[in-house]
Protein backbone atom coordinates (compact mmCIF):
# COMPACT_ATOMS: atom_id res chain seq x y z
CA MET A 1 -24.66 7.57 -7.26
CA ILE A 2 -21.49 6.21 -8.88
CA GLU A 3 -20.88 7.84 -12.25
CA ASP A 4 -20.53 5.66 -15.35
CA MET A 5 -17.38 7.53 -16.43
CA VAL A 6 -15.46 6.30 -13.39
CA LYS A 7 -12.65 4.03 -14.54
CA ASN A 8 -10.52 1.37 -12.91
CA ILE A 9 -8.10 3.39 -10.81
CA VAL A 10 -8.66 6.36 -8.51
CA ILE A 11 -5.62 8.36 -7.43
CA VAL A 12 -6.28 10.45 -4.33
CA VAL A 13 -4.15 13.46 -3.40
CA THR A 14 -4.56 16.27 -0.90
CA GLU A 15 -3.38 19.81 -0.21
CA GLN A 16 -3.06 18.78 3.45
CA ASP A 17 0.23 16.96 2.84
CA LEU A 18 3.28 18.57 1.22
CA CYS A 19 4.41 15.38 -0.52
CA SER A 20 0.95 14.46 -1.76
CA ARG A 21 0.44 18.02 -3.00
CA ASN A 22 3.72 18.04 -4.91
CA ILE A 23 2.97 14.70 -6.56
CA GLY A 24 -0.63 15.71 -7.25
CA TYR A 25 0.23 18.91 -9.14
CA LYS A 26 2.79 17.07 -11.23
CA LEU A 27 0.29 14.31 -12.02
CA GLN A 28 -2.37 16.84 -12.89
CA GLU A 29 -0.28 17.96 -15.87
CA HIS A 30 -1.08 14.60 -17.50
CA PHE A 31 -4.84 14.65 -16.76
CA GLU A 32 -7.77 16.62 -18.12
CA ALA A 33 -10.17 18.41 -15.81
CA PHE A 34 -13.76 17.23 -15.86
CA LYS A 35 -16.86 17.71 -13.74
CA HIS A 36 -17.73 14.54 -11.90
CA GLU A 37 -21.46 14.03 -11.66
CA SER A 38 -21.52 13.26 -7.94
CA CYS A 39 -18.09 13.95 -6.41
CA PRO A 40 -17.89 17.49 -4.95
CA TYR A 41 -14.08 17.61 -5.10
CA PRO A 42 -11.88 18.68 -8.03
CA THR A 43 -11.47 15.72 -10.39
CA TYR A 44 -9.36 14.98 -13.46
CA LYS A 45 -9.30 12.02 -15.82
CA LYS A 46 -6.82 10.17 -17.99
CA ASP A 47 -7.46 6.86 -19.76
CA ASN A 48 -8.74 4.44 -17.12
CA ALA A 49 -7.96 6.66 -14.15
CA ILE A 50 -9.38 9.54 -12.14
CA LEU A 51 -7.33 11.96 -10.06
CA VAL A 52 -9.25 13.50 -7.16
CA TRP A 53 -8.16 16.26 -4.78
CA HIS A 54 -9.58 15.35 -1.38
CA PRO A 55 -9.78 18.16 1.20
CA ASN A 56 -8.92 15.95 4.17
CA ASP A 57 -5.90 14.07 5.44
CA LEU A 58 -5.60 10.93 3.31
CA VAL A 59 -5.05 8.70 6.34
CA LEU A 60 -7.58 10.14 8.76
CA ASP A 61 -10.73 10.98 6.82
CA VAL A 62 -11.43 9.79 3.27
CA THR A 63 -14.14 7.18 3.84
CA ASP A 64 -16.61 9.20 1.78
CA LEU A 65 -14.74 8.19 -1.41
CA ASP A 66 -16.95 5.11 -1.76
CA LYS A 67 -19.95 7.39 -2.25
CA TYR A 68 -18.51 8.58 -5.56
CA PHE A 69 -16.17 5.88 -6.86
CA ASP A 70 -16.05 2.13 -7.38
CA PRO A 71 -12.49 1.54 -8.59
CA GLU A 72 -10.29 -1.48 -9.03
CA ILE A 73 -7.85 0.16 -6.62
CA TYR A 74 -7.29 3.41 -4.73
CA ILE A 75 -3.74 4.82 -4.96
CA PHE A 76 -2.65 7.32 -2.31
CA PRO A 77 0.58 9.27 -3.00
CA PHE A 78 1.73 10.40 0.43
CA ARG A 79 4.63 11.28 2.68
CA HIS A 80 6.79 8.84 4.58
CA LEU A 81 8.31 9.94 7.87
CA GLY A 82 11.36 8.26 9.35
CA LYS A 83 14.95 8.79 10.39
CA GLY A 84 15.91 10.98 7.44
CA LEU A 85 16.85 8.42 4.80
CA PRO A 86 15.73 8.85 1.18
CA ARG A 87 13.00 6.25 0.56
CA LEU A 88 10.39 5.22 -1.99
CA THR A 89 7.89 2.81 -0.48
CA VAL A 90 4.73 0.84 -1.26
CA HIS A 91 2.38 -0.48 1.40
CA PRO A 92 -1.16 -1.64 2.22
CA ALA A 93 -3.31 -0.22 5.01
CA GLY A 94 -4.45 -1.87 8.21
CA ASN A 95 -3.71 -2.53 11.85
CA PHE A 96 -2.81 -5.96 13.22
CA ARG A 97 -2.34 -4.64 16.73
CA LEU A 98 -4.55 -4.51 19.79
CA PRO A 99 -5.41 -1.12 21.36
CA GLN A 100 -2.23 0.71 22.35
CA ALA A 101 -1.59 3.35 24.97
CA ASP A 102 0.95 4.95 22.64
CA SER A 103 -0.47 8.37 21.79
CA LYS A 104 2.42 9.02 19.41
CA VAL A 105 0.72 6.97 16.69
CA PRO A 106 -2.49 8.87 15.85
CA TYR A 107 -2.88 7.14 12.48
CA ARG A 108 -2.75 3.58 13.77
CA GLY A 109 -6.46 3.03 13.26
CA GLU A 110 -9.01 0.57 14.57
CA PRO A 111 -7.42 -2.55 16.10
CA HIS A 112 -7.56 -5.68 13.95
CA LYS A 113 -9.05 -3.83 10.98
CA LEU A 114 -7.49 -4.28 7.53
CA ALA A 115 -8.05 -2.66 4.16
CA TYR A 116 -8.44 -4.66 0.97
CA VAL A 117 -5.14 -5.17 -0.81
CA HIS A 118 -4.19 -5.85 -4.45
CA PRO A 119 -0.83 -7.70 -4.51
CA ALA A 120 -0.32 -7.47 -8.28
CA TYR A 121 -0.60 -3.69 -8.42
CA MET A 122 1.67 -3.33 -5.40
CA LYS A 123 4.28 -5.59 -7.01
CA LEU A 124 4.17 -3.63 -10.27
CA ALA A 125 4.52 -0.36 -8.36
CA LEU A 126 7.49 -1.68 -6.39
CA GLN A 127 9.25 -3.00 -9.49
CA HIS A 128 8.71 0.23 -11.42
CA LEU A 129 9.93 2.42 -8.56
CA ASN A 130 13.00 0.23 -8.32
CA LYS A 131 13.61 0.36 -12.08
CA LEU A 132 13.35 4.15 -12.31
CA ASN A 133 15.37 4.66 -9.15
CA LYS A 134 18.25 2.74 -10.73
CA GLU A 135 17.92 4.21 -14.21
CA ARG A 136 17.85 7.79 -12.91
CA GLN A 137 20.48 7.16 -10.24
CA LEU A 138 18.42 8.58 -7.38
CA ASN A 139 20.05 6.32 -4.79
CA TYR A 140 16.82 6.09 -2.80
CA ASN A 141 15.96 3.01 -0.75
CA VAL A 142 13.08 1.22 -2.50
CA SER A 143 10.97 -1.22 -0.48
CA TYR A 144 7.62 -2.38 0.71
CA GLU A 145 6.46 -1.27 4.12
CA VAL A 146 4.42 -3.57 6.30
CA THR A 147 0.67 -3.13 6.70
CA HIS A 148 -0.03 -0.03 8.78
CA HIS A 149 -2.45 2.86 9.39
CA THR A 150 -5.82 3.77 7.91
CA PRO A 151 -8.00 4.04 5.81
CA THR A 152 -9.39 0.56 6.33
CA ASP A 153 -13.09 1.07 5.56
CA LEU A 154 -13.00 1.55 1.79
CA LYS A 155 -14.59 -1.11 -0.40
CA ALA A 156 -11.73 -1.24 -2.90
CA PRO A 157 -8.06 -2.11 -2.31
CA VAL A 158 -5.82 0.60 -0.93
CA MET A 159 -2.17 1.20 -1.89
CA PHE A 160 0.10 3.94 -0.58
CA LEU A 161 3.03 5.21 -2.67
CA GLU A 162 5.29 7.25 -0.43
CA ILE A 163 8.40 9.41 -0.53
CA GLY A 164 10.45 9.82 2.62
CA ASP A 165 11.79 10.25 5.10
CA ALA A 166 12.15 14.03 5.48
CA GLU A 167 10.79 17.26 3.99
CA GLN A 168 13.78 17.60 1.70
CA HIS A 169 12.74 14.32 0.05
CA HIS A 170 9.08 15.36 -0.10
CA LYS A 171 10.22 18.30 -2.25
CA ASP A 172 12.75 16.36 -4.34
CA GLU A 173 11.68 16.87 -7.96
CA LYS A 174 13.44 13.72 -9.12
CA ALA A 175 11.73 11.53 -6.52
CA ILE A 176 8.38 13.19 -7.23
CA GLN A 177 8.80 12.45 -10.94
CA VAL A 178 9.59 8.80 -10.23
CA VAL A 179 6.32 8.44 -8.30
CA VAL A 180 4.40 10.32 -11.00
CA ASP A 181 5.81 8.09 -13.72
CA THR A 182 5.02 5.01 -11.66
CA VAL A 183 1.38 6.07 -11.29
CA LEU A 184 1.15 6.75 -15.04
CA TYR A 185 2.61 3.30 -15.65
CA LEU A 186 0.06 1.66 -13.34
CA ILE A 187 -2.95 3.21 -15.07
CA ASN A 188 -1.91 1.73 -18.41
CA VAL A 189 -0.75 -1.73 -17.38
CA THR A 190 -2.79 -4.90 -16.97
CA PRO A 191 -1.56 -6.86 -13.95
CA SER A 192 -0.40 -10.41 -14.60
CA GLN A 193 -1.21 -13.36 -12.39
CA TYR A 194 1.47 -13.77 -9.78
CA LYS A 195 1.86 -16.02 -6.76
CA ASN A 196 0.03 -14.00 -4.11
CA CYS A 197 1.75 -14.26 -0.77
CA LEU A 198 1.07 -13.29 2.85
CA ALA A 199 4.26 -12.00 4.49
CA LEU A 200 5.03 -13.15 8.04
CA GLY A 201 7.75 -11.71 10.25
CA GLY A 202 10.47 -9.32 9.30
CA ASP A 203 10.77 -5.65 10.16
CA HIS A 204 8.94 -2.53 9.04
CA TYR A 205 10.61 -2.23 5.64
CA ALA A 206 10.20 -5.89 4.71
CA GLU A 207 13.56 -6.06 2.93
CA ARG A 208 13.63 -9.81 2.40
CA PHE A 209 10.12 -9.81 0.94
CA THR A 210 10.94 -6.77 -1.19
CA ARG A 211 13.80 -8.61 -2.90
CA ARG A 212 11.59 -11.56 -3.77
CA ALA A 213 8.83 -9.39 -5.18
CA ILE A 214 11.30 -7.52 -7.37
CA ASP A 215 13.19 -10.57 -8.62
CA GLU A 216 10.78 -13.52 -8.37
CA GLU A 217 7.15 -14.44 -9.09
CA PHE A 218 5.80 -13.49 -5.64
CA ALA A 219 3.33 -10.64 -5.14
CA PHE A 220 2.79 -9.73 -1.51
CA GLY A 221 -0.50 -8.56 -0.06
CA HIS A 222 -0.66 -7.98 3.68
CA PHE A 223 2.43 -8.03 5.88
CA ILE A 224 2.28 -9.25 9.49
CA PRO A 225 5.59 -8.10 11.03
CA TYR A 226 7.10 -9.98 13.95
CA PHE A 227 6.45 -7.15 16.43
CA THR A 228 2.67 -7.56 16.00
CA PHE A 229 2.62 -11.35 16.45
CA SER A 230 1.64 -11.19 20.13
CA ASP A 231 -1.45 -9.13 19.23
CA VAL A 232 -2.53 -11.19 16.23
CA THR A 233 -5.61 -13.40 16.50
CA PRO A 234 -6.80 -16.14 14.14
CA GLU A 235 -9.65 -13.85 13.08
CA VAL A 236 -7.38 -11.07 11.84
CA VAL A 237 -5.26 -13.61 9.94
CA GLU A 238 -8.44 -14.81 8.23
CA GLN A 239 -9.22 -11.18 7.40
CA ALA A 240 -5.78 -10.73 5.81
CA LEU A 241 -6.44 -13.74 3.60
CA ASP A 242 -10.01 -12.82 2.70
CA LYS A 243 -9.21 -9.18 1.87
CA THR A 244 -6.49 -10.07 -0.63
CA ILE A 245 -7.65 -9.62 -4.23
CA GLY A 246 -6.95 -12.80 -6.16
CA GLY A 247 -6.64 -14.87 -3.01
CA VAL A 248 -3.50 -16.01 -1.20
CA GLN A 249 -1.56 -18.97 -2.61
CA CYS A 250 1.27 -19.04 -0.08
CA ALA A 251 2.69 -17.47 3.06
CA MET A 252 6.35 -16.58 3.50
CA LEU A 253 8.01 -16.56 6.92
CA ASP A 254 11.14 -14.53 7.63
CA ARG A 255 12.91 -16.77 10.12
CA LYS A 256 15.33 -14.02 11.12
CA ALA A 257 12.46 -12.15 12.80
CA GLN A 258 9.61 -14.56 13.50
CA GLY A 259 8.35 -13.85 17.02
CA SER A 260 7.80 -16.44 19.70
CA GLU A 261 6.85 -20.02 18.96
CA ALA A 262 3.46 -19.68 20.68
CA ASP A 263 2.53 -16.48 18.84
CA ARG A 264 3.72 -17.88 15.53
CA GLN A 265 1.69 -21.06 15.91
CA LYS A 266 -1.55 -19.07 16.19
CA ILE A 267 -0.92 -17.78 12.69
CA LEU A 268 0.38 -21.01 11.20
CA ALA A 269 -2.66 -22.92 12.44
CA VAL A 270 -4.91 -20.68 10.32
CA LEU A 271 -2.73 -21.23 7.26
CA GLU A 272 -2.78 -24.98 7.75
CA LYS A 273 -6.56 -24.95 8.12
CA ARG A 274 -6.88 -22.97 4.88
CA GLY A 275 -4.42 -25.21 3.03
CA ILE A 276 -1.96 -22.41 2.30
CA GLU A 277 1.62 -23.32 1.47
CA LEU A 278 4.26 -22.05 3.91
CA ILE A 279 7.67 -20.97 2.61
CA LYS A 280 10.38 -20.47 5.24
CA LEU A 281 13.19 -18.09 4.36
CA SER A 282 16.56 -19.24 5.59
CA LYS A 283 18.61 -16.49 3.96
């Protein structure tokens, strides 16, 4: 049973992750505790949002959320791991790759399975992180990340808001507050209509797409980075288009990292069939 009190946004945090826990406790200060009729986990509410403390890892095992909630979007505050740089990132969930022998990536998820994505909310999150990062002089790198990892089985769009790369950043009170304030902003803003775009090519941090989302009218949904092109099939491209809330009006190709001609043409053929405008970045 989905409770009538459930609002538009569900923010999911967990004790299992240091960064998520730190953000969750700070967020909780702005919410009121209430007993959800069907959800067995601790829940809090504020305006059009619910904060829920899930007992499991947010990437590996949260598919039961759909039993209790029917939101406009799920927001997952979480850690980012990397080479030690201070980062604030936004990304959708999914896996464009075929099965891999690489056991170092336990979160990769089911091959060719994508989550729903909401480009407008992701754009607003990115812009607000960037704004606060500058105003508060954090000197963090702010960017999208390309589509990666689970969960991919939820019925509503999924968006990760992450702090990285290292534990010192996961405990950084200033970075935590920026993410908290961005979540609070998202629960009280009505997304505008933007030009929804599928990103093609580029690297993991999608820098060239990030700049256009911050400064221009584009809102990016799924990102197919160049290093997945050889694994991509027409069917998973169709899935990326069909699981984008608001539809996809254009695709943008980063010509500095665009894979092989043969692999690229598999993707472009789907876009041509669907009548989707292709924008090629030359700089």
